[in-house]
Amino acid sequence: MELKMTATIPMIFCTAYYSFFNLGRLVLGETVLIHAAVGGVGQVAIMLANTVGADVFATVSTPEKKQFLMDTYGVEEERIFFSRDSFTKHIKKATNGEGVDVNSRLEMSRFDDNVSFSSVDLTDVYQKRPMVMKQLLSNVFKLFAKGLTRPVAPITSYSVSDVEMAFRSLQSGHVFGKSVIELQPDDLVKVYPPQKPQVHLPSEASYIVVGGSGGLGRNIADWLSQHGARHIVLLTRSGDNKSNVKRLIQRAESKGIIIAAPRCDISKEADARAAISMVQRDVPPVRCVIFGAMVLRDCLFENMQNDDYRAVIPPKVDGLWNLHKILRKVEQQLDFLVNLSSISGVIGNRGQAAYAAASSVNEVLDTLETQGLEEEELHALLAGAISGKMLDTCNGHCITSLEIEASSPTEQGPFWMVDPRFSHLVRAIIAAQVTSEGGYDDRQKTTAVPLATTICRSWRL
């Protein structure tokens, strides 16, 4: 077997095997619906289903892919459906109303029929359960030895010099089989010089992150240290008791960075005043504050008690106001203050009326509103707010990350799509889908809409 063929085997075969037999418990006579059936995992799924005598149904996006399955794997024409169509009714008809026992992609929003949903990430399997991964590989190659399986086809080979072309091909959604990158002696590897950081923070200043013990706060503290900050203060009710915070402090110390995490309930003015006094006494002057304090107590509005409301409002509203008053009183001049809030103050969020109210107050005070941000996106937004570019390029507002996902043209989108305030976003997504190459295929479509989830504003004091 050629090396490039061997390279395609472990990931796709182990993923399909683990899905079907370790999780799905697929056996003789059961039915399976395989989406994206001409892809690598899809083809393997067909082969594995055939080894146990399961009935195979498949979806594809083009007539060419349908013909490929018929010619290569002998899948009957009436068992192959187009992913663009409403294939559910065809599946019901083909199975006499029974449906399928195993589905390779989630298509239902409710689990009323005693079904389960499992997500498979083979990276987690081999990292956290190496013995399971070893057994998977052993089982897969036993099937090869018995002649029950074979490498998927076709295998498209690219030089390492053409990596960009390979990824663009994958992105198109028209690829059959697997793509492989091969290394040859004469190949050229493209190297891009590292970019100079957008932001370089003065090392002789201190930086406060309020609500810094959570994942977002720790990530921000780490980002600040990577961009020049050498004195960082995390103001949090739990102080440095959390193991994650302790590890962050220890990691920073090894790099010569000082991170302090005193206990502070920022919603209490006395706590806030004591914390600022400590900062003024023990570390260099404060030049930056990133405010991310929050408490969630989700419940339906009609069931909300006064205690629920009072638990959520003070950390965001009173806390920010306390900090604002104290910093002005001690005449602490800041280079910038970034307030992390939520778009729920604009679009609302079921079960979070109190949190939406607090976020609305934050918006009045000028905020950087975040929800569902990727790490790189958060860092870019911080850099834009701190450097002032956000004020220059988009009048202090940058909205991003609100995505509309759909697996078919008729699938209902998120609840906020019917809100007239977001009609321009709906028009943008429709235009993007119309101009996108190939329309809907057997992969889930995700289109990032500009001006959507994150409202960013730097509040300069």
Protein backbone atom coordinates (compact mmCIF):
# COMPACT_ATOMS: atom_id res chain seq x y z
CA MET A 1 0.00 0.00 0.00
CA GLU A 2 1.34 3.44 -0.92
CA LEU A 3 2.29 5.77 1.90
CA LYS A 4 -0.26 8.39 0.85
CA MET A 5 -3.02 5.79 1.06
CA THR A 6 -1.84 4.69 4.50
CA ALA A 7 -1.87 8.31 5.68
CA THR A 8 -5.62 8.57 5.00
CA ILE A 9 -6.59 5.57 7.11
CA PRO A 10 -6.25 6.30 10.87
CA MET A 11 -8.40 9.41 11.28
CA ILE A 12 -11.38 8.61 9.06
CA PHE A 13 -11.53 4.86 9.74
CA CYS A 14 -11.20 5.20 13.52
CA THR A 15 -13.77 8.02 13.59
CA ALA A 16 -16.35 5.97 11.70
CA TYR A 17 -15.56 2.78 13.62
CA TYR A 18 -15.84 4.49 17.00
CA SER A 19 -19.09 6.20 15.96
CA PHE A 20 -20.78 3.09 14.63
CA PHE A 21 -19.63 0.35 16.99
CA ASN A 22 -18.42 1.93 20.24
CA LEU A 23 -21.24 4.50 20.40
CA GLY A 24 -23.95 3.49 17.91
CA ARG A 25 -23.75 -0.28 18.58
CA LEU A 26 -24.66 -0.89 14.94
CA VAL A 27 -25.66 -4.52 14.24
CA LEU A 28 -27.08 -6.69 11.49
CA GLY A 29 -30.39 -5.52 10.08
CA GLU A 30 -30.31 -2.00 11.47
CA THR A 31 -30.51 1.05 9.23
CA VAL A 32 -28.02 3.90 9.01
CA LEU A 33 -28.24 7.31 7.34
CA ILE A 34 -24.87 8.65 6.20
CA HIS A 35 -24.55 12.33 5.36
CA ALA A 36 -21.75 13.67 3.12
CA ALA A 37 -21.39 10.10 1.96
CA VAL A 38 -18.68 10.69 -0.66
CA GLY A 39 -16.32 12.29 1.85
CA GLY A 40 -13.63 10.32 3.65
CA VAL A 41 -15.64 9.43 6.76
CA GLY A 42 -18.76 8.92 4.67
CA GLN A 43 -17.16 6.31 2.41
CA VAL A 44 -15.69 4.49 5.40
CA ALA A 45 -19.09 4.51 7.08
CA ILE A 46 -20.59 2.76 4.05
CA MET A 47 -17.88 0.09 4.13
CA LEU A 48 -18.25 -0.53 7.86
CA ALA A 49 -22.04 -0.68 7.64
CA ASN A 50 -21.72 -3.27 4.90
CA THR A 51 -19.40 -5.42 7.04
CA VAL A 52 -22.18 -6.01 9.60
CA GLY A 53 -25.04 -6.20 7.13
CA ALA A 54 -26.70 -2.89 7.99
CA ASP A 55 -29.02 -1.16 5.55
CA VAL A 56 -27.37 1.99 4.15
CA PHE A 57 -29.07 5.23 3.20
CA ALA A 58 -27.03 8.25 2.14
CA THR A 59 -27.28 11.92 1.24
CA VAL A 60 -25.20 13.76 -1.35
CA SER A 61 -25.25 17.24 -2.85
CA THR A 62 -24.80 16.57 -6.59
CA PRO A 63 -25.82 13.97 -9.20
CA GLU A 64 -22.10 13.23 -9.78
CA LYS A 65 -21.71 12.22 -6.14
CA LYS A 66 -24.82 10.07 -6.34
CA GLN A 67 -23.44 8.24 -9.38
CA PHE A 68 -20.11 7.77 -7.58
CA LEU A 69 -21.80 5.94 -4.70
CA MET A 70 -23.75 3.74 -7.07
CA ASP A 71 -20.68 2.82 -9.13
CA THR A 72 -18.14 2.48 -6.32
CA TYR A 73 -20.14 1.00 -3.44
CA GLY A 74 -23.22 -0.37 -5.13
CA VAL A 75 -25.63 1.78 -3.12
CA GLU A 76 -29.07 1.53 -4.71
CA GLU A 77 -30.31 4.69 -6.39
CA GLU A 78 -33.53 4.84 -4.33
CA ARG A 79 -31.45 4.87 -1.13
CA ILE A 80 -29.51 8.02 -2.06
CA PHE A 81 -31.10 11.40 -1.40
CA PHE A 82 -30.07 14.97 -2.10
CA SER A 83 -29.15 16.99 0.97
CA ARG A 84 -30.71 20.11 -0.60
CA ASP A 85 -34.14 18.48 -0.57
CA SER A 86 -36.32 17.56 2.37
CA PHE A 87 -34.95 14.03 2.53
CA THR A 88 -36.68 13.22 5.84
CA LYS A 89 -39.95 12.28 4.17
CA HIS A 90 -38.08 10.11 1.66
CA ILE A 91 -36.31 8.28 4.49
CA LYS A 92 -39.62 7.71 6.27
CA LYS A 93 -41.15 6.34 3.09
CA ALA A 94 -38.16 4.08 2.30
CA THR A 95 -38.21 2.63 5.84
CA ASN A 96 -42.00 2.27 6.08
CA GLY A 97 -42.17 5.10 8.58
CA GLU A 98 -39.59 3.62 10.95
CA GLY A 99 -36.71 6.03 10.32
CA VAL A 100 -33.08 5.00 10.86
CA ASP A 101 -31.23 3.49 13.82
CA VAL A 102 -28.00 5.47 13.34
CA ASN A 103 -27.70 8.96 11.84
CA SER A 104 -24.28 10.42 11.04
CA ARG A 105 -25.47 13.99 11.60
CA LEU A 106 -27.88 15.63 14.04
CA GLU A 107 -31.09 16.59 12.28
CA MET A 108 -33.60 16.71 15.13
CA SER A 109 -34.15 19.44 17.68
CA ARG A 110 -35.93 17.22 20.17
CA PHE A 111 -35.24 13.74 21.44
CA ASP A 112 -38.78 12.50 22.00
CA ASP A 113 -38.27 9.05 20.49
CA ASN A 114 -35.76 7.58 22.93
CA VAL A 115 -32.76 8.66 20.89
CA SER A 116 -29.31 9.82 21.95
CA PHE A 117 -26.86 12.24 20.41
CA SER A 118 -23.08 11.75 20.58
CA SER A 119 -20.35 14.06 19.34
CA VAL A 120 -17.09 12.41 18.30
CA ASP A 121 -13.71 14.13 18.48
CA LEU A 122 -11.01 11.56 17.80
CA THR A 123 -8.36 13.96 19.10
CA ASP A 124 -9.88 13.63 22.58
CA VAL A 125 -9.99 9.86 22.22
CA TYR A 126 -6.29 9.40 21.52
CA GLN A 127 -5.26 12.05 24.04
CA LYS A 128 -7.43 10.95 26.95
CA ARG A 129 -8.14 7.28 26.15
CA PRO A 130 -5.02 5.96 24.39
CA MET A 131 -5.92 2.32 24.99
CA VAL A 132 -9.24 2.83 23.23
CA MET A 133 -7.37 4.42 20.32
CA LYS A 134 -4.99 1.47 20.20
CA GLN A 135 -7.93 -0.95 20.05
CA LEU A 136 -9.59 1.09 17.31
CA LEU A 137 -6.48 0.96 15.12
CA SER A 138 -6.15 -2.76 15.74
CA ASN A 139 -9.77 -3.42 14.77
CA VAL A 140 -9.50 -1.26 11.66
CA PHE A 141 -6.41 -2.99 10.32
CA LYS A 142 -7.95 -6.40 11.02
CA LEU A 143 -10.71 -5.43 8.60
CA PHE A 144 -8.06 -4.53 6.01
CA ALA A 145 -6.32 -7.86 6.57
CA LYS A 146 -9.60 -9.70 5.95
CA GLY A 147 -10.24 -7.74 2.77
CA LEU A 148 -13.45 -6.20 4.15
CA THR A 149 -12.29 -2.61 3.70
CA ARG A 150 -10.01 -0.63 1.41
CA PRO A 151 -8.68 2.93 1.25
CA VAL A 152 -11.22 5.52 0.16
CA ALA A 153 -11.10 6.95 -3.35
CA PRO A 154 -10.08 9.11 -4.96
CA ILE A 155 -7.01 10.35 -3.08
CA THR A 156 -5.92 13.77 -4.30
CA SER A 157 -2.27 14.53 -3.63
CA TYR A 158 -0.84 18.03 -3.20
CA SER A 159 2.71 19.23 -2.80
CA VAL A 160 3.49 21.04 0.45
CA SER A 161 4.11 24.06 -1.78
CA ASP A 162 0.41 23.98 -2.70
CA VAL A 163 -1.10 23.77 0.78
CA GLU A 164 -3.19 26.88 0.17
CA MET A 165 -4.65 25.32 -2.99
CA ALA A 166 -5.49 22.16 -1.05
CA PHE A 167 -7.39 24.05 1.64
CA ARG A 168 -9.25 26.12 -0.94
CA SER A 169 -10.29 22.91 -2.66
CA LEU A 170 -11.62 21.51 0.63
CA GLN A 171 -13.42 24.77 1.29
CA SER A 172 -15.28 24.52 -2.00
CA GLY A 173 -17.21 21.47 -0.80
CA HIS A 174 -16.76 19.61 -4.09
CA VAL A 175 -14.03 17.19 -2.98
CA PHE A 176 -14.44 13.43 -3.31
CA GLY A 177 -12.49 11.09 -1.01
CA LYS A 178 -9.43 12.44 0.78
CA SER A 179 -6.73 15.02 0.16
CA VAL A 180 -3.11 14.37 1.12
CA ILE A 181 -0.10 16.69 1.46
CA GLU A 182 3.14 15.07 0.29
CA LEU A 183 6.65 16.26 1.13
CA GLN A 184 9.22 16.12 -1.66
CA PRO A 185 12.92 17.18 -1.55
CA ASP A 186 12.42 20.05 -3.99
CA ASP A 187 9.24 21.46 -2.42
CA LEU A 188 9.18 25.04 -1.23
CA VAL A 189 7.52 25.77 2.10
CA LYS A 190 5.89 29.19 2.24
CA VAL A 191 6.84 31.10 5.39
CA TYR A 192 5.16 34.30 6.45
CA PRO A 193 7.22 36.64 8.66
CA PRO A 194 5.67 37.25 12.09
CA GLN A 195 3.59 40.38 12.29
CA LYS A 196 4.41 43.11 14.74
CA PRO A 197 1.81 43.13 17.54
CA GLN A 198 -0.92 45.75 17.12
CA VAL A 199 -0.58 46.75 20.75
CA HIS A 200 2.44 47.15 22.99
CA LEU A 201 1.53 47.96 26.57
CA PRO A 202 3.88 49.94 28.83
CA SER A 203 5.59 47.66 31.35
CA GLU A 204 5.77 50.39 34.03
CA ALA A 205 1.96 50.50 34.41
CA SER A 206 -0.58 48.25 36.14
CA TYR A 207 -3.61 46.63 34.52
CA ILE A 208 -6.80 45.68 36.37
CA VAL A 209 -9.10 42.88 35.17
CA VAL A 210 -12.36 42.84 37.15
CA GLY A 211 -13.96 39.40 37.32
CA GLY A 212 -10.69 37.87 36.23
CA SER A 213 -10.94 34.39 37.76
CA GLY A 214 -13.10 32.94 34.98
CA GLY A 215 -11.87 31.62 31.67
CA LEU A 216 -12.42 34.92 29.87
CA GLY A 217 -10.65 36.96 32.55
CA ARG A 218 -7.66 34.61 32.72
CA ASN A 219 -7.38 34.66 28.95
CA ILE A 220 -7.38 38.46 28.94
CA ALA A 221 -4.71 38.54 31.67
CA ASP A 222 -2.59 36.17 29.62
CA TRP A 223 -3.05 38.36 26.54
CA LEU A 224 -2.06 41.49 28.46
CA SER A 225 1.14 39.81 29.62
CA GLN A 226 1.98 38.80 26.04
CA HIS A 227 1.70 42.43 24.96
CA GLY A 228 4.00 44.03 27.49
CA ALA A 229 2.05 44.18 30.77
CA ARG A 230 4.18 43.21 33.78
CA HIS A 231 1.81 44.10 36.65
CA ILE A 232 -1.72 42.67 36.47
CA VAL A 233 -4.40 42.72 39.18
CA LEU A 234 -7.39 40.35 39.06
CA LEU A 235 -10.28 41.64 41.18
CA THR A 236 -12.57 38.72 41.98
CA ARG A 237 -14.74 37.55 44.86
CA SER A 238 -12.82 34.27 45.13
CA GLY A 239 -9.37 35.86 45.16
CA ASP A 240 -6.61 33.42 44.30
CA ASN A 241 -8.38 30.35 45.75
CA LYS A 242 -9.20 28.78 42.40
CA SER A 243 -6.62 26.33 41.08
CA ASN A 244 -6.77 27.86 37.59
CA VAL A 245 -5.89 31.28 39.00
CA LYS A 246 -3.03 29.83 41.04
CA ARG A 247 -1.61 28.19 37.93
CA LEU A 248 -1.90 31.46 36.02
CA ILE A 249 -0.02 33.31 38.77
CA GLN A 250 2.72 30.66 38.90
CA ARG A 251 3.11 30.63 35.12
CA ALA A 252 3.37 34.42 35.08
CA GLU A 253 5.98 34.45 37.86
CA SER A 254 8.22 32.18 35.80
CA LYS A 255 8.22 34.91 33.13
CA GLY A 256 8.87 37.77 35.52
CA ILE A 257 5.25 38.96 35.50
CA ILE A 258 3.44 39.83 38.71
CA ILE A 259 -0.24 38.88 38.94
CA ALA A 260 -2.12 39.64 42.15
CA ALA A 261 -5.64 38.39 42.88
CA PRO A 262 -7.04 39.99 46.04
CA ARG A 263 -10.56 39.18 47.20
CA CYS A 264 -12.94 41.92 46.12
CA ASP A 265 -16.71 42.08 45.70
CA ILE A 266 -16.74 44.97 43.26
CA SER A 267 -20.47 45.57 43.87
CA LYS A 268 -19.59 46.72 47.40
CA GLU A 269 -18.08 50.19 47.43
CA ALA A 270 -15.95 49.45 50.52
CA ASP A 271 -14.38 46.41 48.83
CA ALA A 272 -13.74 48.37 45.67
CA ARG A 273 -12.15 51.26 47.58
CA ALA A 274 -9.89 48.89 49.55
CA ALA A 275 -8.79 47.15 46.37
CA ILE A 276 -7.90 50.39 44.60
CA SER A 277 -6.00 51.57 47.71
CA MET A 278 -3.99 48.34 47.69
CA VAL A 279 -3.24 48.73 43.98
CA GLN A 280 -2.07 52.32 44.45
CA ARG A 281 0.15 51.29 47.34
CA ASP A 282 1.76 48.07 46.02
CA VAL A 283 2.02 48.32 42.23
CA PRO A 284 2.77 50.96 39.56
CA PRO A 285 0.02 53.42 38.55
CA VAL A 286 -3.07 51.90 36.95
CA ARG A 287 -3.38 52.75 33.26
CA CYS A 288 -5.99 50.20 32.15
CA VAL A 289 -9.14 48.59 33.50
CA ILE A 290 -11.00 45.76 31.79
CA PHE A 291 -14.35 45.23 33.51
CA GLY A 292 -15.89 41.77 33.19
CA ALA A 293 -17.76 41.21 36.46
CA MET A 294 -20.96 39.21 36.11
CA VAL A 295 -23.31 36.85 37.94
CA LEU A 296 -25.89 34.68 36.18
CA ARG A 297 -29.07 33.42 37.80
CA ASP A 298 -31.20 32.30 34.87
CA CYS A 299 -34.94 31.87 35.31
CA LEU A 300 -38.16 32.74 33.53
CA PHE A 301 -39.30 36.30 34.16
CA GLU A 302 -42.60 35.22 35.76
CA ASN A 303 -40.67 33.02 38.20
CA MET A 304 -38.02 35.61 39.06
CA GLN A 305 -37.71 36.56 42.73
CA ASN A 306 -36.26 39.78 44.08
CA ASP A 307 -33.19 37.86 45.28
CA ASP A 308 -32.60 36.56 41.74
CA TYR A 309 -32.71 40.09 40.37
CA ARG A 310 -30.51 41.51 43.12
CA ALA A 311 -27.90 38.82 42.61
CA VAL A 312 -27.41 39.71 38.94
CA ILE A 313 -27.69 43.52 38.79
CA PRO A 314 -25.10 44.76 41.37
CA PRO A 315 -21.91 43.14 40.00
CA LYS A 316 -22.34 44.72 36.56
CA VAL A 317 -24.13 47.97 37.40
CA ASP A 318 -23.03 48.90 40.93
CA GLY A 319 -19.60 47.43 40.35
CA LEU A 320 -18.87 49.52 37.28
CA TRP A 321 -20.26 52.66 38.92
CA ASN A 322 -18.20 52.07 42.09
CA LEU A 323 -15.04 51.70 40.06
CA HIS A 324 -15.84 54.81 38.03
CA LYS A 325 -16.44 56.96 41.15
CA ILE A 326 -13.39 55.72 43.07
CA LEU A 327 -10.97 56.16 40.17
CA ARG A 328 -12.20 59.71 39.63
CA LYS A 329 -11.98 60.51 43.34
CA VAL A 330 -8.35 59.40 43.59
CA GLU A 331 -7.63 61.23 40.32
CA GLN A 332 -6.40 58.07 38.65
CA GLN A 333 -5.99 58.86 34.95
CA LEU A 334 -6.59 55.83 32.72
CA ASP A 335 -5.41 55.30 29.18
CA PHE A 336 -8.50 53.20 28.55
CA LEU A 337 -11.33 51.28 30.20
CA VAL A 338 -12.98 48.40 28.37
CA ASN A 339 -16.29 47.14 29.73
CA LEU A 340 -17.26 43.61 28.73
CA SER A 341 -21.00 43.19 28.41
CA SER A 342 -23.47 41.09 26.41
CA ILE A 343 -25.56 41.52 23.30
CA SER A 344 -28.46 40.14 25.37
CA GLY A 345 -29.10 43.77 26.35
CA VAL A 346 -30.06 44.39 22.71
CA ILE A 347 -31.61 41.17 21.43
CA GLY A 348 -32.67 39.67 24.75
CA ASN A 349 -32.11 36.10 25.85
CA ARG A 350 -34.72 33.72 27.19
CA GLY A 351 -34.37 33.24 30.92
CA GLN A 352 -31.92 36.14 31.34
CA ALA A 353 -34.12 39.21 31.86
CA ALA A 354 -32.01 40.48 34.78
CA TYR A 355 -28.75 39.93 32.91
CA ALA A 356 -30.17 41.70 29.85
CA ALA A 357 -31.19 44.64 32.04
CA ALA A 358 -27.68 44.88 33.51
CA SER A 359 -26.16 44.69 30.04
CA SER A 360 -28.46 47.49 28.87
CA VAL A 361 -27.15 49.76 31.62
CA ASN A 362 -23.60 48.86 30.59
CA GLU A 363 -24.41 49.83 27.02
CA VAL A 364 -25.51 53.26 28.21
CA LEU A 365 -22.15 53.61 29.94
CA ASP A 366 -20.37 52.66 26.70
CA THR A 367 -19.32 49.05 26.43
CA LEU A 368 -17.51 46.33 24.57
CA GLU A 369 -20.26 43.75 24.28
CA THR A 370 -19.27 40.13 23.76
CA GLN A 371 -21.03 36.83 23.23
CA GLY A 372 -19.70 33.57 21.81
CA LEU A 373 -16.36 35.05 20.75
CA GLU A 374 -13.48 32.98 19.54
CA GLU A 375 -10.19 33.59 21.33
CA GLU A 376 -8.50 35.30 18.37
CA GLU A 377 -11.55 37.48 17.82
CA LEU A 378 -11.56 38.60 21.45
CA HIS A 379 -7.87 39.49 21.23
CA ALA A 380 -8.43 41.48 18.03
CA LEU A 381 -11.29 43.39 19.65
CA LEU A 382 -9.19 44.21 22.70
CA ALA A 383 -6.37 45.40 20.45
CA GLY A 384 -8.79 47.57 18.47
CA ALA A 385 -10.30 49.11 21.59
CA ILE A 386 -6.96 49.72 23.32
CA SER A 387 -5.18 51.12 20.27
CA GLY A 388 -8.05 53.47 19.41
CA LYS A 389 -8.47 52.03 15.91
CA MET A 390 -12.05 51.09 16.70
CA LEU A 391 -12.90 54.73 17.28
CA ASP A 392 -11.24 55.76 14.02
CA THR A 393 -12.56 53.04 11.73
CA CYS A 394 -16.11 52.29 12.89
CA ASN A 395 -17.15 55.15 15.15
CA GLY A 396 -16.45 53.10 18.26
CA HIS A 397 -18.75 50.21 17.27
CA CYS A 398 -17.65 46.84 15.93
CA ILE A 399 -20.24 44.08 15.77
CA THR A 400 -19.18 40.56 14.91
CA SER A 401 -19.69 36.83 15.53
CA LEU A 402 -23.46 36.68 15.25
CA GLU A 403 -23.76 33.76 12.87
CA ILE A 404 -26.70 32.22 11.07
CA GLU A 405 -26.41 28.48 10.62
CA ALA A 406 -28.66 26.41 8.44
CA SER A 407 -28.44 22.92 7.00
CA SER A 408 -31.18 23.54 4.43
CA PRO A 409 -32.64 26.62 2.73
CA THR A 410 -35.96 26.21 4.58
CA GLU A 411 -34.58 25.66 8.08
CA GLN A 412 -35.71 28.27 10.60
CA GLY A 413 -32.94 30.55 11.79
CA PRO A 414 -32.32 32.04 15.25
CA PHE A 415 -35.18 33.80 17.04
CA TRP A 416 -33.76 37.29 16.56
CA MET A 417 -34.07 37.03 12.75
CA VAL A 418 -37.72 38.13 12.96
CA ASP A 419 -36.78 41.31 14.84
CA PRO A 420 -37.02 44.29 12.42
CA ARG A 421 -33.92 45.83 14.03
CA PHE A 422 -31.86 43.06 12.48
CA SER A 423 -33.44 43.07 9.03
CA HIS A 424 -30.21 44.35 7.47
CA LEU A 425 -28.40 41.30 8.85
CA VAL A 426 -30.96 38.95 7.34
CA ARG A 427 -30.58 40.68 3.98
CA ALA A 428 -26.80 40.32 4.30
CA ILE A 429 -26.99 36.57 4.98
CA ILE A 430 -29.37 36.02 2.05
CA ALA A 431 -27.05 37.94 -0.27
CA ALA A 432 -24.04 35.97 0.99
CA GLN A 433 -25.80 32.64 0.39
CA VAL A 434 -26.94 33.63 -3.09
CA THR A 435 -23.43 34.62 -4.14
CA SER A 436 -21.67 31.70 -2.41
CA GLU A 437 -20.32 29.06 -4.73
CA GLY A 438 -22.33 25.90 -5.08
CA GLY A 439 -25.23 26.83 -2.76
CA TYR A 440 -26.20 24.28 -0.14
CA ASP A 441 -24.28 21.04 -0.06
CA ASP A 442 -23.94 18.15 2.41
CA ARG A 443 -21.91 20.22 4.86
CA GLN A 444 -23.53 22.51 7.38
CA LYS A 445 -23.45 26.07 6.16
CA THR A 446 -22.18 28.76 8.51
CA THR A 447 -22.04 32.32 7.26
CA ALA A 448 -20.56 35.03 9.42
CA VAL A 449 -22.65 38.17 9.15
CA PRO A 450 -20.95 41.54 9.59
CA LEU A 451 -22.35 43.89 12.22
CA ALA A 452 -23.86 41.30 14.48
CA THR A 453 -23.01 39.95 17.96
CA THR A 454 -20.29 41.97 19.47
CA ILE A 455 -20.65 45.70 20.05
CA CYS A 456 -17.28 47.06 20.96
CA ARG A 457 -16.58 50.44 22.37
CA SER A 458 -13.64 51.82 24.29
CA TRP A 459 -14.60 54.07 27.14
CA ARG A 460 -11.83 56.55 27.74
CA LEU A 461 -11.74 58.35 31.07
